[in-house]
Each structure stands twice: as structure tokens, then as C-alpha cells.
């Protein structure tokens, strides 16, 4: 059931990127899709029976891999920086164009 919600989040973001014409809404949809992908990665990485690799007196054999946590943190940071860069680009476009609709911007900038 949780996997269905994660895939629905990814699809909502994907369709938002395709169907929305406003550039800010496209950026927001990309962020929703990125959140869904990260949630799916966390869902796949969390399995039952795995323990955190902390030094203790308990003898366990099935340790969880800490590498996916590092990959997810890196993906979050890169996603945030890309989103900030795209918002700066939209701010620069907003100075020259009265609207943020992609169709209008294309009409205004074609010779």
C-alpha cells in the first residue's frame, strides 16, 4: 500500500511537469517527483531484520548498509541546489517577461 502512495507521488510530479505551463509550478512538480523517488529509495532500503551498525555488546549478523543513507542525503542536497538554481533562472526570466507561462515566454523570445 505504501508503495502505491510513493508511485502516486512520483506520477503526480511527472504529470505536473508535463501538464503545467507555469515555470514555478514545473519546479514545484519536479520537487514533488524528487521527493517521491527519495521516498521509494528509502522504502526499498528499509528491510525487516536489519540492525544499525553500532558497536555494542549484542552479537548480530545482519547489519544494514549505511551507504544508501549517504546517497539519499547527497540526493537531497543536490535536489535543493538544483531547485534554487532553477528559481534564480525563473527570477531572471520574470524581469524580462510579464508572465511565467512557458508558452508566452516562447512567443516573446522567438524572432
C-alpha atoms as a PDB file:
ATOM      1  CA  UNK A   1       0.000   0.000   0.000  1.00  0.00           C
ATOM      2  CA  UNK A   2       2.826   2.375   0.859  1.00  0.00           C
ATOM      3  CA  UNK A   3       4.492   1.648  -2.474  1.00  0.00           C
ATOM      4  CA  UNK A   4       1.312   2.710  -4.273  1.00  0.00           C
ATOM      5  CA  UNK A   5       1.350   6.072  -2.494  1.00  0.00           C
ATOM      6  CA  UNK A   6       5.009   6.575  -3.369  1.00  0.00           C
ATOM      7  CA  UNK A   7       4.360   5.780  -7.038  1.00  0.00           C
ATOM      8  CA  UNK A   8       1.330   8.104  -6.987  1.00  0.00           C
ATOM      9  CA  UNK A   9       3.565  10.886  -5.678  1.00  0.00           C
ATOM     10  CA  UNK A  10       6.068  10.272  -8.461  1.00  0.00           C
ATOM     11  CA  UNK A  11       3.304  10.254 -11.092  1.00  0.00           C
ATOM     12  CA  UNK A  12       1.740  13.447  -9.721  1.00  0.00           C
ATOM     13  CA  UNK A  13       5.094  15.185 -10.020  1.00  0.00           C
ATOM     14  CA  UNK A  14       5.680  13.794 -13.502  1.00  0.00           C
ATOM     15  CA  UNK A  15       2.281  14.858 -14.808  1.00  0.00           C
ATOM     16  CA  UNK A  16       2.725  18.239 -13.159  1.00  0.00           C
ATOM     17  CA  UNK A  17       5.948  18.777 -15.090  1.00  0.00           C
ATOM     18  CA  UNK A  18       4.275  17.815 -18.356  1.00  0.00           C
ATOM     19  CA  UNK A  19       0.883  19.495 -17.967  1.00  0.00           C
ATOM     20  CA  UNK A  20       1.592  22.731 -16.060  1.00  0.00           C
ATOM     21  CA  UNK A  21       2.622  25.758 -18.096  1.00  0.00           C
ATOM     22  CA  UNK A  22       3.777  27.985 -15.228  1.00  0.00           C
ATOM     23  CA  UNK A  23       7.517  27.649 -14.620  1.00  0.00           C
ATOM     24  CA  UNK A  24       7.240  27.870 -10.830  1.00  0.00           C
ATOM     25  CA  UNK A  25       4.670  25.075 -10.867  1.00  0.00           C
ATOM     26  CA  UNK A  26       7.018  22.987 -13.022  1.00  0.00           C
ATOM     27  CA  UNK A  27       9.785  23.472 -10.450  1.00  0.00           C
ATOM     28  CA  UNK A  28       7.413  22.540  -7.633  1.00  0.00           C
ATOM     29  CA  UNK A  29       6.298  19.443  -9.556  1.00  0.00           C
ATOM     30  CA  UNK A  30       9.918  18.435 -10.047  1.00  0.00           C
ATOM     31  CA  UNK A  31      10.449  18.741  -6.300  1.00  0.00           C
ATOM     32  CA  UNK A  32       7.387  16.535  -5.637  1.00  0.00           C
ATOM     33  CA  UNK A  33       8.691  13.926  -8.068  1.00  0.00           C
ATOM     34  CA  UNK A  34      12.139  14.039  -6.461  1.00  0.00           C
ATOM     35  CA  UNK A  35      10.578  13.554  -3.036  1.00  0.00           C
ATOM     36  CA  UNK A  36       8.708  10.519  -4.339  1.00  0.00           C
ATOM     37  CA  UNK A  37      11.876   8.990  -5.761  1.00  0.00           C
ATOM     38  CA  UNK A  38      13.714   9.528  -2.467  1.00  0.00           C
ATOM     39  CA  UNK A  39      10.784   8.014  -0.564  1.00  0.00           C
ATOM     40  CA  UNK A  40      10.840   4.979  -2.857  1.00  0.00           C
ATOM     41  CA  UNK A  41      14.571   4.572  -2.307  1.00  0.00           C
ATOM     42  CA  UNK A  42      14.068   4.716   1.466  1.00  0.00           C
ATOM     43  CA  UNK A  43      11.193   2.240   1.204  1.00  0.00           C
ATOM     44  CA  UNK A  44      13.339  -0.247  -0.715  1.00  0.00           C
ATOM     45  CA  UNK A  45      16.328   0.216   1.600  1.00  0.00           C
ATOM     46  CA  UNK A  46      14.353  -0.401   4.797  1.00  0.00           C
ATOM     47  CA  UNK A  47      14.022  -4.125   5.293  1.00  0.00           C
ATOM     48  CA  UNK A  48      12.990  -6.097   8.345  1.00  0.00           C
ATOM     49  CA  UNK A  49      15.630  -7.916  10.353  1.00  0.00           C
ATOM     50  CA  UNK A  50      18.480  -5.478   9.743  1.00  0.00           C
ATOM     51  CA  UNK A  51      20.275  -3.708  12.554  1.00  0.00           C
ATOM     52  CA  UNK A  52      22.222  -0.456  12.569  1.00  0.00           C
ATOM     53  CA  UNK A  53      25.986  -0.941  12.546  1.00  0.00           C
ATOM     54  CA  UNK A  54      26.630   0.477  16.020  1.00  0.00           C
ATOM     55  CA  UNK A  55      29.346  -1.014  18.184  1.00  0.00           C
ATOM     56  CA  UNK A  56      27.671  -2.741  21.106  1.00  0.00           C
ATOM     57  CA  UNK A  57      27.853  -5.931  23.105  1.00  0.00           C
ATOM     58  CA  UNK A  58      24.988  -7.558  21.187  1.00  0.00           C
ATOM     59  CA  UNK A  59      26.084 -10.049  18.549  1.00  0.00           C
ATOM     60  CA  UNK A  60      24.096  -9.520  15.346  1.00  0.00           C
ATOM     61  CA  UNK A  61      24.832 -10.775  11.879  1.00  0.00           C
ATOM     62  CA  UNK A  62      22.569  -8.763   9.576  1.00  0.00           C
ATOM     63  CA  UNK A  63      23.704  -5.153   9.513  1.00  0.00           C
ATOM     64  CA  UNK A  64      22.019  -2.544   7.376  1.00  0.00           C
ATOM     65  CA  UNK A  65      24.148  -0.843   4.778  1.00  0.00           C
ATOM     66  CA  UNK A  66      24.896   2.826   5.629  1.00  0.00           C
ATOM     67  CA  UNK A  67      25.706   3.704   2.005  1.00  0.00           C
ATOM     68  CA  UNK A  68      22.045   4.276   0.963  1.00  0.00           C
ATOM     69  CA  UNK A  69      21.717   6.846   3.745  1.00  0.00           C
ATOM     70  CA  UNK A  70      24.676   8.764   2.362  1.00  0.00           C
ATOM     71  CA  UNK A  71      23.286   8.549  -1.166  1.00  0.00           C
ATOM     72  CA  UNK A  72      19.904   9.865  -0.026  1.00  0.00           C
ATOM     73  CA  UNK A  73      21.482  12.780   1.854  1.00  0.00           C
ATOM     74  CA  UNK A  74      23.509  13.623  -1.239  1.00  0.00           C
ATOM     75  CA  UNK A  75      20.381  13.447  -3.417  1.00  0.00           C
ATOM     76  CA  UNK A  76      18.525  15.798  -1.069  1.00  0.00           C
ATOM     77  CA  UNK A  77      21.353  18.350  -1.121  1.00  0.00           C
ATOM     78  CA  UNK A  78      21.744  18.182  -4.903  1.00  0.00           C
ATOM     79  CA  UNK A  79      17.969  18.459  -5.393  1.00  0.00           C
ATOM     80  CA  UNK A  80      17.841  21.535  -3.164  1.00  0.00           C
ATOM     81  CA  UNK A  81      20.704  23.221  -5.023  1.00  0.00           C
ATOM     82  CA  UNK A  82      19.149  22.472  -8.432  1.00  0.00           C
ATOM     83  CA  UNK A  83      15.815  23.832  -7.254  1.00  0.00           C
ATOM     84  CA  UNK A  84      17.478  27.032  -6.007  1.00  0.00           C
ATOM     85  CA  UNK A  85      19.338  27.431  -9.310  1.00  0.00           C
ATOM     86  CA  UNK A  86      16.141  26.986 -11.323  1.00  0.00           C
ATOM     87  CA  UNK A  87      14.299  29.517  -9.157  1.00  0.00           C
ATOM     88  CA  UNK A  88      17.062  32.049  -9.790  1.00  0.00           C
ATOM     89  CA  UNK A  89      16.678  31.405 -13.520  1.00  0.00           C
ATOM     90  CA  UNK A  90      12.924  31.949 -13.257  1.00  0.00           C
ATOM     91  CA  UNK A  91      13.539  35.204 -11.339  1.00  0.00           C
ATOM     92  CA  UNK A  92      15.779  36.430 -14.171  1.00  0.00           C
ATOM     93  CA  UNK A  93      13.121  35.460 -16.719  1.00  0.00           C
ATOM     94  CA  UNK A  94      10.483  37.303 -14.678  1.00  0.00           C
ATOM     95  CA  UNK A  95      12.427  40.554 -15.047  1.00  0.00           C
ATOM     96  CA  UNK A  96      12.142  40.471 -18.839  1.00  0.00           C
ATOM     97  CA  UNK A  97       8.709  38.856 -19.239  1.00  0.00           C
ATOM     98  CA  UNK A  98       5.410  39.912 -17.680  1.00  0.00           C
ATOM     99  CA  UNK A  99       4.315  36.292 -17.202  1.00  0.00           C
ATOM    100  CA  UNK A 100       5.865  32.979 -16.207  1.00  0.00           C
ATOM    101  CA  UNK A 101       3.809  30.886 -18.630  1.00  0.00           C
ATOM    102  CA  UNK A 102       6.181  28.905 -20.834  1.00  0.00           C
ATOM    103  CA  UNK A 103       4.082  29.404 -23.998  1.00  0.00           C
ATOM    104  CA  UNK A 104       4.110  33.190 -23.603  1.00  0.00           C
ATOM    105  CA  UNK A 105       7.850  33.279 -22.946  1.00  0.00           C
ATOM    106  CA  UNK A 106       8.470  31.247 -26.106  1.00  0.00           C
ATOM    107  CA  UNK A 107       6.251  33.608 -28.135  1.00  0.00           C
ATOM    108  CA  UNK A 108       8.019  36.693 -26.777  1.00  0.00           C
ATOM    109  CA  UNK A 109      11.522  35.349 -27.449  1.00  0.00           C
ATOM    110  CA  UNK A 110      11.111  33.860 -30.931  1.00  0.00           C
ATOM    111  CA  UNK A 111      12.197  36.129 -33.793  1.00  0.00           C
END
